[in-house]
Amino acid sequence: DIISDEKDKFEKFLLSATEAYSEHTDLPIQFHTYSKNKIGVGFRDKTSEIVSLAEELIQIPSVTACPNERIDEVKRAARIIFNYLSNAGLKVKYFNNDKYPAILASLPGVEHAPVMLSGHFDVVEPNPDDSQFNVKIDGDYLVGRGAADMKTVVATYMVWIKDIRHRGDNYPGVNLLLVGNEENGEVEPMGTPHVLNMLKAESSYEPSLLIAGERTGEKGD
């Protein structure tokens, strides 16, 4: 219908506008991706907070590693992550000049942290269809495309580093790198190797230890 058509046009406009702003932050108008997981919103416990953020990320069909990659959705996931971490007071670098985005978040004063947590926010295509992006809780399990691989882990990373930031000074030497093309092998920029090579070339920085929180292969028993 007409309303749906206009909604699609407006969403495409916002997508291009926010991409332009992220490349030129001196623009007079600032754009922020909406997220229901605003910093400071109360949750009954830490698990509820992580699950809420994971649900939001899982609903985004950020599909790669197939002929019909959904790059716009990969970028939408990246912007939500970028805004969440920025609003938490972290120093966030958004690599978005290439096909696949990446995000590096650092605690104040420890940008060159010896330990780097790493993860990804892209997923493989759904099977059989997009109903897999309709996330649900089934008993003790969070069910949806990317729940295990690895948006729940990404949400855990994000909440943890946000909490560490809010505790004050004396931060641990840990930062967070999240990429949008792990499922297709990170061959193209900005996969993890590209980000690490760029950091080394720009500032002679490379982490001593990289921890990947990948959970693929777990059986849940």
C-alpha atoms as a PDB file:
ATOM      1  CA  ASP A   1       0.000   0.000   0.000  1.00  0.00           C
ATOM      2  CA  ILE A   2       0.984   3.685  -0.155  1.00  0.00           C
ATOM      3  CA  ILE A   3       2.014   3.908   3.493  1.00  0.00           C
ATOM      4  CA  SER A   4       4.296   0.877   3.172  1.00  0.00           C
ATOM      5  CA  ASP A   5       5.873   2.283   0.010  1.00  0.00           C
ATOM      6  CA  GLU A   6       6.563   5.623   1.679  1.00  0.00           C
ATOM      7  CA  LYS A   7       7.935   3.862   4.766  1.00  0.00           C
ATOM      8  CA  ASP A   8      10.386   1.907   2.605  1.00  0.00           C
ATOM      9  CA  LYS A   9      11.500   5.080   0.831  1.00  0.00           C
ATOM     10  CA  PHE A  10      12.007   6.891   4.127  1.00  0.00           C
ATOM     11  CA  GLU A  11      14.025   4.002   5.578  1.00  0.00           C
ATOM     12  CA  LYS A  12      16.268   3.983   2.495  1.00  0.00           C
ATOM     13  CA  PHE A  13      16.761   7.746   2.859  1.00  0.00           C
ATOM     14  CA  LEU A  14      17.721   7.392   6.520  1.00  0.00           C
ATOM     15  CA  LEU A  15      20.128   4.600   5.631  1.00  0.00           C
ATOM     16  CA  SER A  16      21.981   6.722   3.092  1.00  0.00           C
ATOM     17  CA  ALA A  17      21.894   9.775   5.365  1.00  0.00           C
ATOM     18  CA  THR A  18      23.338   7.973   8.349  1.00  0.00           C
ATOM     19  CA  GLU A  19      26.053   6.416   6.226  1.00  0.00           C
ATOM     20  CA  ALA A  20      26.975   9.873   4.935  1.00  0.00           C
ATOM     21  CA  TYR A  21      27.044  11.273   8.476  1.00  0.00           C
ATOM     22  CA  SER A  22      29.283   8.498   9.778  1.00  0.00           C
ATOM     23  CA  GLU A  23      31.843   9.454   7.128  1.00  0.00           C
ATOM     24  CA  HIS A  24      31.493  13.221   7.722  1.00  0.00           C
ATOM     25  CA  THR A  25      30.851  13.828  11.405  1.00  0.00           C
ATOM     26  CA  ASP A  26      31.053  17.602  11.004  1.00  0.00           C
ATOM     27  CA  LEU A  27      27.631  17.666   9.328  1.00  0.00           C
ATOM     28  CA  PRO A  28      25.188  20.009  11.122  1.00  0.00           C
ATOM     29  CA  ILE A  29      22.568  17.248  11.462  1.00  0.00           C
ATOM     30  CA  GLN A  30      23.303  14.117  13.479  1.00  0.00           C
ATOM     31  CA  PHE A  31      21.577  10.780  12.994  1.00  0.00           C
ATOM     32  CA  HIS A  32      21.174   8.089  15.620  1.00  0.00           C
ATOM     33  CA  THR A  33      19.785   4.608  15.018  1.00  0.00           C
ATOM     34  CA  TYR A  34      16.901   3.844  17.334  1.00  0.00           C
ATOM     35  CA  SER A  35      17.509   1.113  19.854  1.00  0.00           C
ATOM     36  CA  LYS A  36      15.095  -0.061  22.507  1.00  0.00           C
ATOM     37  CA  ASN A  37      18.153  -0.924  24.608  1.00  0.00           C
ATOM     38  CA  LYS A  38      18.930   2.590  25.758  1.00  0.00           C
ATOM     39  CA  ILE A  39      21.725   3.057  28.253  1.00  0.00           C
ATOM     40  CA  GLY A  40      20.269   3.450  31.731  1.00  0.00           C
ATOM     41  CA  VAL A  41      17.027   1.546  31.087  1.00  0.00           C
ATOM     42  CA  GLY A  42      16.293  -0.654  34.066  1.00  0.00           C
ATOM     43  CA  PHE A  43      16.354  -4.458  33.831  1.00  0.00           C
ATOM     44  CA  ARG A  44      15.511  -6.880  36.609  1.00  0.00           C
ATOM     45  CA  ASP A  45      18.895  -8.597  36.239  1.00  0.00           C
ATOM     46  CA  LYS A  46      21.935  -8.788  33.993  1.00  0.00           C
ATOM     47  CA  THR A  47      20.649 -11.794  32.065  1.00  0.00           C
ATOM     48  CA  SER A  48      17.501  -9.903  31.104  1.00  0.00           C
ATOM     49  CA  GLU A  49      19.567  -6.996  29.852  1.00  0.00           C
ATOM     50  CA  ILE A  50      21.778  -9.222  27.694  1.00  0.00           C
ATOM     51  CA  VAL A  51      18.829 -11.196  26.321  1.00  0.00           C
ATOM     52  CA  SER A  52      16.970  -7.996  25.422  1.00  0.00           C
ATOM     53  CA  LEU A  53      19.937  -6.678  23.453  1.00  0.00           C
ATOM     54  CA  ALA A  54      20.530 -10.078  21.822  1.00  0.00           C
ATOM     55  CA  GLU A  55      16.885 -10.204  20.733  1.00  0.00           C
ATOM     56  CA  GLU A  56      17.218  -6.822  19.054  1.00  0.00           C
ATOM     57  CA  LEU A  57      20.340  -7.899  17.182  1.00  0.00           C
ATOM     58  CA  ILE A  58      18.909 -11.290  16.162  1.00  0.00           C
ATOM     59  CA  GLN A  59      15.891  -9.622  14.560  1.00  0.00           C
ATOM     60  CA  ILE A  60      18.212  -7.887  12.080  1.00  0.00           C
ATOM     61  CA  PRO A  61      18.762 -10.141   9.015  1.00  0.00           C
ATOM     62  CA  SER A  62      22.447  -9.255   8.677  1.00  0.00           C
ATOM     63  CA  VAL A  63      23.107 -12.041   6.184  1.00  0.00           C
ATOM     64  CA  THR A  64      26.432 -12.657   4.421  1.00  0.00           C
ATOM     65  CA  ALA A  65      28.133 -15.696   2.837  1.00  0.00           C
ATOM     66  CA  CYS A  66      25.509 -16.189   0.130  1.00  0.00           C
ATOM     67  CA  PRO A  67      24.680 -14.765  -3.322  1.00  0.00           C
ATOM     68  CA  ASN A  68      22.062 -12.418  -1.824  1.00  0.00           C
ATOM     69  CA  GLU A  69      23.953 -10.800   0.998  1.00  0.00           C
ATOM     70  CA  ARG A  70      21.954  -8.158   2.878  1.00  0.00           C
ATOM     71  CA  ILE A  71      24.620  -5.519   3.234  1.00  0.00           C
ATOM     72  CA  ASP A  72      22.164  -2.795   4.275  1.00  0.00           C
ATOM     73  CA  GLU A  73      21.097  -4.962   7.210  1.00  0.00           C
ATOM     74  CA  VAL A  74      24.711  -5.711   8.128  1.00  0.00           C
ATOM     75  CA  LYS A  75      25.287  -1.965   8.242  1.00  0.00           C
ATOM     76  CA  ARG A  76      22.118  -1.454  10.277  1.00  0.00           C
ATOM     77  CA  ALA A  77      23.389  -3.897  12.881  1.00  0.00           C
ATOM     78  CA  ALA A  78      26.723  -2.090  12.909  1.00  0.00           C
ATOM     79  CA  ARG A  79      25.057   1.270  13.511  1.00  0.00           C
ATOM     80  CA  ILE A  80      23.024  -0.050  16.432  1.00  0.00           C
ATOM     81  CA  ILE A  81      26.197  -1.455  17.979  1.00  0.00           C
ATOM     82  CA  PHE A  82      28.079   1.777  17.290  1.00  0.00           C
ATOM     83  CA  ASN A  83      25.391   3.922  18.920  1.00  0.00           C
ATOM     84  CA  TYR A  84      25.064   1.651  21.954  1.00  0.00           C
ATOM     85  CA  LEU A  85      28.785   1.685  22.648  1.00  0.00           C
ATOM     86  CA  SER A  86      29.169   5.392  21.908  1.00  0.00           C
ATOM     87  CA  ASN A  87      26.301   6.247  24.244  1.00  0.00           C
ATOM     88  CA  ALA A  88      28.036   4.172  26.919  1.00  0.00           C
ATOM     89  CA  GLY A  89      30.992   6.564  26.830  1.00  0.00           C
ATOM     90  CA  LEU A  90      33.414   4.285  25.020  1.00  0.00           C
ATOM     91  CA  LYS A  91      35.804   5.460  22.333  1.00  0.00           C
ATOM     92  CA  VAL A  92      34.411   3.839  19.193  1.00  0.00           C
ATOM     93  CA  LYS A  93      35.979   3.652  15.763  1.00  0.00           C
ATOM     94  CA  TYR A  94      33.558   2.798  12.964  1.00  0.00           C
ATOM     95  CA  PHE A  95      35.201   1.281   9.891  1.00  0.00           C
ATOM     96  CA  ASN A  96      32.605   1.838   7.174  1.00  0.00           C
ATOM     97  CA  ASN A  97      34.487   2.903   4.060  1.00  0.00           C
ATOM     98  CA  ASP A  98      34.380  -0.600   2.620  1.00  0.00           C
ATOM     99  CA  LYS A  99      31.653  -3.099   1.789  1.00  0.00           C
ATOM    100  CA  TYR A 100      31.633  -4.694   5.230  1.00  0.00           C
ATOM    101  CA  PRO A 101      31.679  -2.569   8.410  1.00  0.00           C
ATOM    102  CA  ALA A 102      33.644  -3.187  11.588  1.00  0.00           C
ATOM    103  CA  ILE A 103      33.654  -1.546  15.012  1.00  0.00           C
ATOM    104  CA  LEU A 104      36.447  -1.149  17.540  1.00  0.00           C
ATOM    105  CA  ALA A 105      35.433  -0.005  21.030  1.00  0.00           C
ATOM    106  CA  SER A 106      37.970   1.010  23.656  1.00  0.00           C
ATOM    107  CA  LEU A 107      37.857   2.052  27.286  1.00  0.00           C
ATOM    108  CA  PRO A 108      39.258   5.507  28.084  1.00  0.00           C
ATOM    109  CA  GLY A 109      43.027   5.570  28.265  1.00  0.00           C
ATOM    110  CA  VAL A 110      43.527   1.970  27.134  1.00  0.00           C
ATOM    111  CA  GLU A 111      42.950   2.247  23.384  1.00  0.00           C
ATOM    112  CA  HIS A 112      46.028   0.068  22.806  1.00  0.00           C
ATOM    113  CA  ALA A 113      44.802  -2.688  25.097  1.00  0.00           C
ATOM    114  CA  PRO A 114      46.845  -5.895  25.321  1.00  0.00           C
ATOM    115  CA  VAL A 115      43.689  -8.041  25.183  1.00  0.00           C
ATOM    116  CA  MET A 116      41.171  -7.779  22.353  1.00  0.00           C
ATOM    117  CA  LEU A 117      37.761  -9.436  22.505  1.00  0.00           C
ATOM    118  CA  SER A 118      36.520 -10.254  19.021  1.00  0.00           C
ATOM    119  CA  GLY A 119      33.266 -11.294  17.434  1.00  0.00           C
ATOM    120  CA  HIS A 120      30.948 -10.759  14.489  1.00  0.00           C
ATOM    121  CA  PHE A 121      27.399  -9.563  13.866  1.00  0.00           C
ATOM    122  CA  ASP A 122      26.733 -11.157  10.470  1.00  0.00           C
ATOM    123  CA  VAL A 123      24.884 -14.473  10.076  1.00  0.00           C
ATOM    124  CA  VAL A 124      24.430 -17.138   7.429  1.00  0.00           C
ATOM    125  CA  GLU A 125      21.221 -17.118   5.418  1.00  0.00           C
ATOM    126  CA  PRO A 126      18.123 -18.499   7.167  1.00  0.00           C
ATOM    127  CA  ASN A 127      16.780 -21.959   6.542  1.00  0.00           C
ATOM    128  CA  PRO A 128      14.025 -22.346   5.540  1.00  0.00           C
ATOM    129  CA  ASP A 129      13.010 -18.665   5.542  1.00  0.00           C
ATOM    130  CA  ASP A 130      13.065 -15.311   7.354  1.00  0.00           C
ATOM    131  CA  SER A 131      10.854 -16.631  10.125  1.00  0.00           C
ATOM    132  CA  GLN A 132      14.141 -17.517  11.845  1.00  0.00           C
ATOM    133  CA  PHE A 133      14.599 -13.825  12.566  1.00  0.00           C
ATOM    134  CA  ASN A 134      11.437 -13.871  14.692  1.00  0.00           C
ATOM    135  CA  VAL A 135      13.297 -14.458  17.927  1.00  0.00           C
ATOM    136  CA  LYS A 136      11.644 -16.336  20.778  1.00  0.00           C
ATOM    137  CA  ILE A 137      12.467 -17.799  24.164  1.00  0.00           C
ATOM    138  CA  ASP A 138      11.801 -21.518  24.475  1.00  0.00           C
ATOM    139  CA  GLY A 139      12.390 -22.626  28.048  1.00  0.00           C
ATOM    140  CA  ASP A 140      16.060 -21.900  28.804  1.00  0.00           C
ATOM    141  CA  TYR A 141      16.910 -21.251  25.159  1.00  0.00           C
ATOM    142  CA  LEU A 142      16.969 -18.095  23.055  1.00  0.00           C
ATOM    143  CA  VAL A 143      15.962 -19.212  19.561  1.00  0.00           C
ATOM    144  CA  GLY A 144      16.660 -17.339  16.336  1.00  0.00           C
ATOM    145  CA  ARG A 145      19.134 -17.116  13.467  1.00  0.00           C
ATOM    146  CA  GLY A 146      22.424 -15.976  14.977  1.00  0.00           C
ATOM    147  CA  ALA A 147      21.472 -16.590  18.612  1.00  0.00           C
ATOM    148  CA  ALA A 148      24.427 -18.947  19.138  1.00  0.00           C
ATOM    149  CA  ASP A 149      26.592 -17.733  16.261  1.00  0.00           C
ATOM    150  CA  MET A 150      27.038 -15.245  17.698  1.00  0.00           C
ATOM    151  CA  LYS A 151      24.768 -12.355  18.569  1.00  0.00           C
ATOM    152  CA  THR A 152      24.146 -13.430  22.161  1.00  0.00           C
ATOM    153  CA  VAL A 153      27.891 -13.383  22.740  1.00  0.00           C
ATOM    154  CA  VAL A 154      28.116  -9.980  21.022  1.00  0.00           C
ATOM    155  CA  ALA A 155      25.382  -8.662  23.319  1.00  0.00           C
ATOM    156  CA  THR A 156      27.253 -10.061  26.327  1.00  0.00           C
ATOM    157  CA  TYR A 157      30.441  -8.332  25.215  1.00  0.00           C
ATOM    158  CA  MET A 158      28.588  -5.048  24.745  1.00  0.00           C
ATOM    159  CA  VAL A 159      26.858  -5.077  28.127  1.00  0.00           C
ATOM    160  CA  TRP A 160      30.058  -6.117  29.896  1.00  0.00           C
ATOM    161  CA  ILE A 161      32.225  -3.370  28.422  1.00  0.00           C
ATOM    162  CA  LYS A 162      29.456  -0.815  29.027  1.00  0.00           C
ATOM    163  CA  ASP A 163      29.315  -1.830  32.696  1.00  0.00           C
ATOM    164  CA  ILE A 164      33.102  -1.650  33.019  1.00  0.00           C
ATOM    165  CA  ARG A 165      33.044   1.858  31.534  1.00  0.00           C
ATOM    166  CA  HIS A 166      30.419   3.008  34.026  1.00  0.00           C
ATOM    167  CA  ARG A 167      32.364   1.748  37.027  1.00  0.00           C
ATOM    168  CA  GLY A 168      34.918   4.500  36.674  1.00  0.00           C
ATOM    169  CA  ASP A 169      38.700   4.678  36.437  1.00  0.00           C
ATOM    170  CA  ASN A 170      41.325   1.942  36.567  1.00  0.00           C
ATOM    171  CA  TYR A 171      40.013   0.156  33.501  1.00  0.00           C
ATOM    172  CA  PRO A 172      41.337  -3.265  32.461  1.00  0.00           C
ATOM    173  CA  GLY A 173      43.472  -3.549  29.332  1.00  0.00           C
ATOM    174  CA  VAL A 174      40.683  -4.913  27.139  1.00  0.00           C
ATOM    175  CA  ASN A 175      39.004  -3.605  24.000  1.00  0.00           C
ATOM    176  CA  LEU A 176      36.337  -4.992  21.667  1.00  0.00           C
ATOM    177  CA  LEU A 177      36.435  -5.632  17.914  1.00  0.00           C
ATOM    178  CA  LEU A 178      33.259  -6.644  16.071  1.00  0.00           C
ATOM    179  CA  VAL A 179      33.162  -7.315  12.312  1.00  0.00           C
ATOM    180  CA  GLY A 180      30.431  -7.811   9.734  1.00  0.00           C
ATOM    181  CA  ASN A 181      31.889 -10.446   7.430  1.00  0.00           C
ATOM    182  CA  GLU A 182      33.104 -13.398   9.494  1.00  0.00           C
ATOM    183  CA  GLU A 183      30.700 -15.847   7.882  1.00  0.00           C
ATOM    184  CA  ASN A 184      32.249 -15.404   4.444  1.00  0.00           C
ATOM    185  CA  GLY A 185      35.794 -15.742   5.714  1.00  0.00           C
ATOM    186  CA  GLU A 186      36.733 -12.077   6.321  1.00  0.00           C
ATOM    187  CA  VAL A 187      38.643 -12.022   3.029  1.00  0.00           C
ATOM    188  CA  GLU A 188      37.446  -8.529   2.143  1.00  0.00           C
ATOM    189  CA  PRO A 189      37.766  -5.363   4.254  1.00  0.00           C
ATOM    190  CA  MET A 190      37.013  -4.818   7.003  1.00  0.00           C
ATOM    191  CA  GLY A 191      37.489  -8.266   8.403  1.00  0.00           C
ATOM    192  CA  THR A 192      39.574  -8.835  11.520  1.00  0.00           C
ATOM    193  CA  PRO A 193      42.906  -9.182   9.648  1.00  0.00           C
ATOM    194  CA  HIS A 194      42.273  -5.913   7.795  1.00  0.00           C
ATOM    195  CA  VAL A 195      41.502  -4.009  10.988  1.00  0.00           C
ATOM    196  CA  LEU A 196      44.544  -5.430  12.767  1.00  0.00           C
ATOM    197  CA  ASN A 197      46.809  -4.581   9.822  1.00  0.00           C
ATOM    198  CA  MET A 198      45.432  -1.039   9.699  1.00  0.00           C
ATOM    199  CA  LEU A 199      45.932  -0.512  13.436  1.00  0.00           C
ATOM    200  CA  LYS A 200      49.497  -1.767  13.199  1.00  0.00           C
ATOM    201  CA  ALA A 201      50.256   0.457  10.215  1.00  0.00           C
ATOM    202  CA  GLU A 202      48.665   3.565  11.760  1.00  0.00           C
ATOM    203  CA  SER A 203      49.900   3.303  15.343  1.00  0.00           C
ATOM    204  CA  SER A 204      52.146   0.227  15.637  1.00  0.00           C
ATOM    205  CA  TYR A 205      49.468  -1.328  17.819  1.00  0.00           C
ATOM    206  CA  GLU A 206      48.652  -5.008  17.879  1.00  0.00           C
ATOM    207  CA  PRO A 207      47.043  -6.874  20.777  1.00  0.00           C
ATOM    208  CA  SER A 208      49.028  -9.497  22.657  1.00  0.00           C
ATOM    209  CA  LEU A 209      45.981 -11.745  22.958  1.00  0.00           C
ATOM    210  CA  LEU A 210      42.836 -11.975  20.818  1.00  0.00           C
ATOM    211  CA  ILE A 211      39.864 -13.830  22.310  1.00  0.00           C
ATOM    212  CA  ALA A 212      37.104 -14.999  19.937  1.00  0.00           C
ATOM    213  CA  GLY A 213      33.882 -15.827  21.749  1.00  0.00           C
ATOM    214  CA  GLU A 214      32.612 -18.063  18.953  1.00  0.00           C
ATOM    215  CA  ARG A 215      30.146 -20.694  20.184  1.00  0.00           C
ATOM    216  CA  THR A 216      29.605 -22.705  16.986  1.00  0.00           C
ATOM    217  CA  GLY A 217      29.457 -26.430  17.669  1.00  0.00           C
ATOM    218  CA  GLU A 218      27.869 -26.261  21.108  1.00  0.00           C
ATOM    219  CA  LYS A 219      25.084 -28.808  21.581  1.00  0.00           C
ATOM    220  CA  GLY A 220      23.374 -27.205  24.553  1.00  0.00           C
ATOM    221  CA  ASP A 221      23.620 -30.281  26.745  1.00  0.00           C
END
